[in-house]
Amino acid sequence: MDLRTQLNNRLSDNFTETDVERLLQFGEHYRGKVRDLFIGEKEIIMVTTDRLSAFDVVLTSVPCKGAILNGITLAAFEATADICKNHIIDSPHPNVMRVHRAAPISAEIIVRRYITGSLWRDYQAGSAGAYEIDFPADLKRDQRFETPIITPSTKAAVGEHDLPISRRNLVAEGHVEQALLDEACEKALALFERGEALAAKQGLILVDTKYEFGMIDGELAVIDEIHTADSSRYWMADEYEARFAAGESQLMLDKENIRQWLISQGYQGEGEPPAIPGEIRVDLAEKYVELYQRLLGKSFEPAKISSPSELYDTLKA
């Protein structure tokens, strides 16, 4: 059975919900946009579902998305452990990470190498001033910055929008102390540099990405996910120059594909979202699978992902 058929077959048999009542024995439940957390005293069971969010709104599901994100994150944590501590303990299931409990920093550290996506839209609209960065007046869409820049955002609750903010205002408004923010930004740039190098070896460009940090036993650690198709943008490296010169859109292996589709339907997070056809959801799943296979150097097998109903037994084993 080919990959697209397997993904099609999972459109209605996916990880969108967890058996909260049974999993409560692992800790208090918190439902995020994509992840269900079961928070114990020292550890968290983090279930990465197939839910798809865009513009900070949960919209639908993408077949096998949770397992793909988990697999990329685990590989990225391993590849960057010498740069920054992370929260991973182990992964007892393709959709699950068991992690150390951290005290999260209430900000997302977003590192960008290119001006694209929301930053490009804000730049065009003249509304990129929230970051307090002096952007040149003649930038073009998808243009590369000489050095990566950091454009933080606040960390909003589910159903609310993350807001752009400057490093100065993160401190001034009490989100994070200056010394801790400086350390997080330094670690983020080093993580991004490693991610760029690993992507380049696979013919990819790591365009931008977001990092979340927390404190574990008094030490800064990167948490949640890193370098995935949800938290990052990836382009095909061999297509970049020609497409940029022609003003054409880049070939993307990330969530920006669905953002662009939604924008084409007139939706950017406000009002009633459009229904997303199964074909579009499978198209995105194929992009996620391709990124997984390129970054990890191995095939992705949907058949190996057990159903949500079997998750409890796997965790108890």
Protein backbone atom coordinates (compact mmCIF):
# COMPACT_ATOMS: atom_id res chain seq x y z
CA MET A 1 0.00 0.00 0.00
CA ASP A 2 1.49 3.37 -0.99
CA LEU A 3 2.01 6.18 1.52
CA ARG A 4 -0.84 8.41 0.34
CA THR A 5 -3.32 5.55 0.61
CA GLN A 6 -2.11 4.81 4.15
CA LEU A 7 -2.49 8.47 5.11
CA ASN A 8 -5.94 8.62 3.52
CA ASN A 9 -6.98 5.60 5.55
CA ARG A 10 -6.05 7.44 8.74
CA LEU A 11 -8.14 10.55 8.10
CA SER A 12 -10.78 9.31 10.53
CA ASP A 13 -8.54 7.07 12.67
CA ASN A 14 -6.10 9.50 14.18
CA PHE A 15 -4.81 10.95 17.42
CA THR A 16 -7.06 13.94 17.99
CA GLU A 17 -8.19 13.05 21.50
CA THR A 18 -6.73 11.10 24.40
CA ASP A 19 -8.52 9.02 27.00
CA VAL A 20 -8.26 11.74 29.62
CA GLU A 21 -10.12 9.88 32.37
CA ARG A 22 -7.76 6.89 32.31
CA LEU A 23 -4.62 8.97 31.85
CA LEU A 24 -5.38 11.21 34.82
CA GLN A 25 -3.48 8.78 37.02
CA PHE A 26 -0.31 10.18 35.44
CA GLY A 27 -1.13 13.72 36.49
CA GLU A 28 -3.38 16.73 36.10
CA HIS A 29 -4.65 17.24 32.56
CA TYR A 30 -3.85 20.33 30.50
CA ARG A 31 -5.09 20.58 26.92
CA GLY A 32 -2.91 22.60 24.57
CA LYS A 33 -3.56 23.37 20.93
CA VAL A 34 -1.73 20.23 19.80
CA ARG A 35 -0.56 18.46 22.97
CA ASP A 36 -2.39 16.90 25.90
CA LEU A 37 -0.25 17.10 29.03
CA PHE A 38 -0.63 14.96 32.14
CA ILE A 39 1.34 16.86 34.73
CA GLY A 40 2.78 14.97 37.66
CA GLU A 41 4.84 16.31 40.53
CA LYS A 42 8.18 15.92 38.72
CA GLU A 43 7.35 14.49 35.29
CA ILE A 44 4.89 15.14 32.48
CA ILE A 45 3.34 12.71 30.02
CA MET A 46 3.20 14.78 26.83
CA VAL A 47 0.87 13.34 24.18
CA THR A 48 1.38 14.92 20.77
CA THR A 49 -1.92 14.61 18.93
CA ASP A 50 -2.75 14.97 15.26
CA ARG A 51 -4.64 18.22 15.89
CA LEU A 52 -3.77 21.03 13.49
CA SER A 53 -3.67 24.63 14.64
CA ALA A 54 -2.99 27.66 12.49
CA PHE A 55 -3.20 31.33 13.44
CA ASP A 56 -3.49 30.02 17.03
CA VAL A 57 -6.80 28.26 16.27
CA VAL A 58 -7.34 24.48 16.32
CA LEU A 59 -8.88 23.71 12.94
CA THR A 60 -8.80 20.01 12.09
CA SER A 61 -6.38 17.07 12.14
CA VAL A 62 -3.57 15.82 9.89
CA PRO A 63 -2.96 12.06 9.64
CA CYS A 64 0.08 10.87 11.64
CA LYS A 65 1.14 14.44 12.41
CA GLY A 66 1.73 13.83 16.11
CA ALA A 67 4.09 10.90 15.59
CA ILE A 68 5.98 12.83 12.92
CA LEU A 69 6.47 15.83 15.19
CA ASN A 70 7.57 13.61 18.06
CA GLY A 71 10.08 11.74 15.92
CA ILE A 72 11.69 14.93 14.61
CA THR A 73 11.78 16.47 18.10
CA LEU A 74 13.46 13.44 19.64
CA ALA A 75 16.13 13.44 16.94
CA ALA A 76 16.66 17.18 17.31
CA PHE A 77 16.95 16.96 21.09
CA GLU A 78 19.61 14.27 20.69
CA ALA A 79 21.49 16.30 18.07
CA THR A 80 21.56 19.45 20.23
CA ALA A 81 22.00 18.04 23.74
CA ASP A 82 25.56 19.39 23.88
CA ILE A 83 24.27 22.93 23.27
CA CYS A 84 21.39 23.13 25.69
CA LYS A 85 19.78 20.85 28.24
CA ASN A 86 16.33 19.58 27.24
CA HIS A 87 13.45 18.05 29.14
CA ILE A 88 13.22 14.59 27.52
CA ILE A 89 13.30 11.43 29.66
CA ASP A 90 12.07 8.86 27.13
CA SER A 91 9.43 8.12 24.50
CA PRO A 92 7.27 5.10 25.36
CA HIS A 93 5.01 5.56 22.31
CA PRO A 94 5.39 7.29 18.90
CA ASN A 95 2.99 10.04 20.04
CA VAL A 96 4.35 10.40 23.57
CA MET A 97 7.30 12.00 25.30
CA ARG A 98 7.89 11.56 29.02
CA VAL A 99 9.64 14.73 30.14
CA HIS A 100 10.94 16.47 33.23
CA ARG A 101 8.57 19.08 34.61
CA ALA A 102 9.92 22.58 33.97
CA ALA A 103 8.97 26.08 35.04
CA PRO A 104 8.33 27.60 31.59
CA ILE A 105 9.44 31.05 30.51
CA SER A 106 6.40 33.02 29.37
CA ALA A 107 7.78 33.89 25.95
CA GLU A 108 8.60 32.18 22.66
CA ILE A 109 12.03 32.87 21.23
CA ILE A 110 11.64 32.97 17.45
CA VAL A 111 14.81 32.93 15.34
CA ARG A 112 14.56 33.98 11.70
CA ARG A 113 17.13 33.75 8.89
CA TYR A 114 14.74 35.00 6.17
CA ILE A 115 11.93 37.53 6.00
CA THR A 116 8.84 35.53 5.13
CA GLY A 117 5.50 34.44 6.53
CA SER A 118 3.99 36.60 9.26
CA LEU A 119 7.07 38.83 9.49
CA TRP A 120 6.87 39.62 5.77
CA ARG A 121 3.15 40.34 6.06
CA ASP A 122 3.79 42.67 9.02
CA TYR A 123 6.71 44.33 7.23
CA GLN A 124 4.57 44.97 4.15
CA ALA A 125 1.80 46.41 6.33
CA GLY A 126 4.23 48.59 8.25
CA SER A 127 3.37 46.83 11.50
CA ALA A 128 6.66 45.07 12.31
CA GLY A 129 7.65 47.77 14.80
CA ALA A 130 6.66 45.67 17.81
CA TYR A 131 10.06 43.95 17.69
CA GLU A 132 11.95 47.27 17.83
CA ILE A 133 14.25 46.09 15.04
CA ASP A 134 15.43 48.59 12.42
CA PHE A 135 14.54 46.74 9.21
CA PRO A 136 15.89 48.13 5.91
CA ALA A 137 13.28 49.75 3.69
CA ASP A 138 14.02 47.71 0.57
CA LEU A 139 13.70 44.09 1.71
CA LYS A 140 12.12 41.55 -0.63
CA ARG A 141 9.95 38.59 0.30
CA ASP A 142 12.03 35.55 1.33
CA GLN A 143 15.25 37.59 1.48
CA ARG A 144 18.03 36.19 3.66
CA PHE A 145 19.30 38.17 6.65
CA GLU A 146 23.08 38.35 6.98
CA THR A 147 22.75 37.17 10.57
CA PRO A 148 19.70 35.56 12.17
CA ILE A 149 17.35 37.87 14.05
CA ILE A 150 15.18 37.20 17.09
CA THR A 151 11.51 38.23 17.03
CA PRO A 152 9.94 37.06 20.30
CA SER A 153 6.27 36.60 21.06
CA THR A 154 4.23 36.27 24.19
CA LYS A 155 2.99 32.80 25.10
CA ALA A 156 -0.80 32.96 24.94
CA ALA A 157 -3.35 30.59 26.43
CA VAL A 158 -5.27 28.21 24.16
CA GLY A 159 -7.79 30.18 22.09
CA GLU A 160 -5.84 33.42 22.35
CA HIS A 161 -3.23 34.85 20.00
CA ASP A 162 0.50 35.01 20.69
CA LEU A 163 1.57 38.63 20.36
CA PRO A 164 4.78 40.03 18.86
CA ILE A 165 6.97 41.81 21.38
CA SER A 166 10.49 43.19 21.62
CA ARG A 167 13.21 41.77 23.84
CA ARG A 168 13.17 45.06 25.76
CA ASN A 169 9.43 44.86 26.44
CA LEU A 170 9.62 41.22 27.49
CA VAL A 171 11.70 42.44 30.41
CA ALA A 172 9.89 45.76 30.95
CA GLU A 173 6.49 44.06 31.15
CA GLY A 174 7.76 41.43 33.57
CA HIS A 175 7.58 38.38 31.33
CA VAL A 176 11.19 37.37 32.00
CA GLU A 177 14.28 38.73 33.74
CA GLN A 178 17.01 40.24 31.58
CA ALA A 179 19.77 37.76 32.44
CA LEU A 180 17.52 34.77 31.77
CA LEU A 181 16.28 36.25 28.48
CA ASP A 182 19.85 36.88 27.36
CA GLU A 183 20.78 33.28 28.12
CA ALA A 184 17.69 31.94 26.32
CA CYS A 185 18.44 34.04 23.23
CA GLU A 186 22.08 32.92 23.20
CA LYS A 187 21.00 29.27 23.42
CA ALA A 188 18.34 29.80 20.75
CA LEU A 189 20.87 31.18 18.27
CA ALA A 190 23.24 28.26 18.93
CA LEU A 191 20.40 25.74 18.51
CA PHE A 192 19.36 27.42 15.27
CA GLU A 193 22.91 27.29 13.93
CA ARG A 194 23.01 23.54 14.59
CA GLY A 195 19.57 23.09 13.01
CA GLU A 196 20.67 25.03 9.92
CA ALA A 197 23.73 22.82 9.50
CA LEU A 198 21.77 19.58 9.89
CA ALA A 199 19.10 20.76 7.42
CA ALA A 200 21.70 21.83 4.88
CA LYS A 201 23.18 18.32 4.84
CA GLN A 202 19.77 17.09 3.68
CA GLY A 203 19.30 19.70 0.98
CA LEU A 204 17.03 21.87 3.13
CA ILE A 205 17.01 25.43 4.43
CA LEU A 206 15.90 25.97 8.02
CA VAL A 207 14.16 29.30 7.45
CA ASP A 208 12.99 30.15 10.95
CA THR A 209 11.89 28.40 14.09
CA LYS A 210 10.57 28.99 17.58
CA TYR A 211 11.98 27.75 20.86
CA GLU A 212 10.38 27.45 24.25
CA PHE A 213 12.49 27.32 27.38
CA GLY A 214 11.96 26.45 31.03
CA MET A 215 13.91 25.98 34.21
CA ILE A 216 14.68 22.46 35.45
CA ASP A 217 16.54 22.22 38.77
CA GLY A 218 17.76 25.78 38.35
CA GLU A 219 19.11 25.22 34.83
CA LEU A 220 17.76 26.59 31.55
CA ALA A 221 16.37 23.86 29.28
CA VAL A 222 14.69 23.80 25.89
CA ILE A 223 11.20 22.26 26.13
CA ASP A 224 8.16 21.36 24.03
CA GLU A 225 9.31 20.65 20.44
CA ILE A 226 12.18 21.85 18.26
CA HIS A 227 12.92 21.96 14.53
CA THR A 228 9.61 20.37 13.51
CA ALA A 229 7.29 21.22 10.63
CA ASP A 230 4.94 22.87 13.15
CA SER A 231 7.52 25.04 14.90
CA SER A 232 9.75 25.81 11.90
CA ARG A 233 9.80 26.62 8.22
CA TYR A 234 11.85 24.53 5.79
CA TRP A 235 12.54 25.20 2.11
CA MET A 236 14.15 23.12 -0.61
CA ALA A 237 17.68 24.51 -0.87
CA ASP A 238 18.28 23.81 -4.56
CA GLU A 239 15.18 25.81 -5.53
CA TYR A 240 15.77 28.88 -3.36
CA GLU A 241 17.91 31.17 -5.52
CA ALA A 242 15.94 30.76 -8.75
CA ARG A 243 12.59 31.16 -7.02
CA PHE A 244 13.75 34.18 -5.03
CA ALA A 245 15.11 35.88 -8.16
CA ALA A 246 11.82 35.23 -9.98
CA GLY A 247 9.69 36.39 -7.04
CA GLU A 248 8.08 32.96 -6.81
CA SER A 249 6.98 31.16 -3.66
CA GLN A 250 9.45 28.69 -2.20
CA LEU A 251 8.92 24.92 -2.06
CA MET A 252 7.93 24.35 1.57
CA LEU A 253 7.93 21.29 3.83
CA ASP A 254 6.12 22.77 6.80
CA LYS A 255 2.87 24.17 8.19
CA GLU A 256 3.15 27.32 6.08
CA ASN A 257 1.50 25.27 3.29
CA ILE A 258 -1.78 25.20 5.20
CA ARG A 259 -1.43 28.83 6.31
CA GLN A 260 -1.14 29.89 2.67
CA TRP A 261 -4.15 27.75 1.73
CA LEU A 262 -6.20 29.34 4.53
CA ILE A 263 -5.16 32.84 3.46
CA SER A 264 -6.26 31.99 -0.09
CA GLN A 265 -9.67 31.17 1.42
CA GLY A 266 -9.79 34.55 3.17
CA TYR A 267 -9.00 33.26 6.67
CA GLN A 268 -6.24 34.52 8.99
CA GLY A 269 -7.52 33.52 12.41
CA GLU A 270 -10.63 35.67 12.74
CA GLY A 271 -14.21 34.62 12.08
CA GLU A 272 -15.41 31.22 10.95
CA PRO A 273 -12.60 29.07 9.48
CA PRO A 274 -13.21 27.25 6.20
CA ALA A 275 -13.70 23.50 6.14
CA ILE A 276 -10.41 21.84 5.21
CA PRO A 277 -10.94 18.99 2.71
CA GLY A 278 -9.37 15.60 3.33
CA GLU A 279 -7.24 16.02 0.22
CA ILE A 280 -5.61 19.17 1.65
CA ARG A 281 -5.00 17.42 4.98
CA VAL A 282 -3.31 14.47 3.27
CA ASP A 283 -1.25 16.84 1.09
CA LEU A 284 0.09 18.44 4.27
CA ALA A 285 0.72 15.04 5.86
CA GLU A 286 2.84 14.09 2.85
CA LYS A 287 4.93 17.25 3.30
CA TYR A 288 5.45 16.39 6.97
CA VAL A 289 6.46 12.83 6.09
CA GLU A 290 8.97 14.08 3.51
CA LEU A 291 10.55 16.38 6.09
CA TYR A 292 10.72 13.53 8.63
CA GLN A 293 12.37 11.21 6.12
CA ARG A 294 14.90 13.81 5.00
CA LEU A 295 15.88 14.96 8.48
CA LEU A 296 16.00 11.49 10.06
CA GLY A 297 17.28 9.57 7.03
CA LYS A 298 14.72 6.79 7.41
CA SER A 299 11.25 5.95 6.19
CA PHE A 300 8.09 6.79 8.09
CA GLU A 301 5.62 3.93 8.56
CA PRO A 302 2.04 4.94 9.47
CA ALA A 303 1.11 1.32 10.20
CA LYS A 304 3.38 1.32 13.26
CA ILE A 305 1.26 3.93 15.06
CA SER A 306 -1.27 2.25 17.34
CA SER A 307 -4.69 3.75 17.95
CA PRO A 308 -5.39 6.24 20.77
CA SER A 309 -7.36 3.57 22.63
CA GLU A 310 -4.16 1.54 23.08
CA LEU A 311 -2.16 4.44 24.53
CA TYR A 312 -3.06 3.79 28.16
CA ASP A 313 -1.95 0.14 28.00
CA THR A 314 1.33 1.17 26.36
CA LEU A 315 2.07 3.69 29.12
CA LYS A 316 1.17 1.23 31.88
CA ALA A 317 3.40 -1.50 30.44
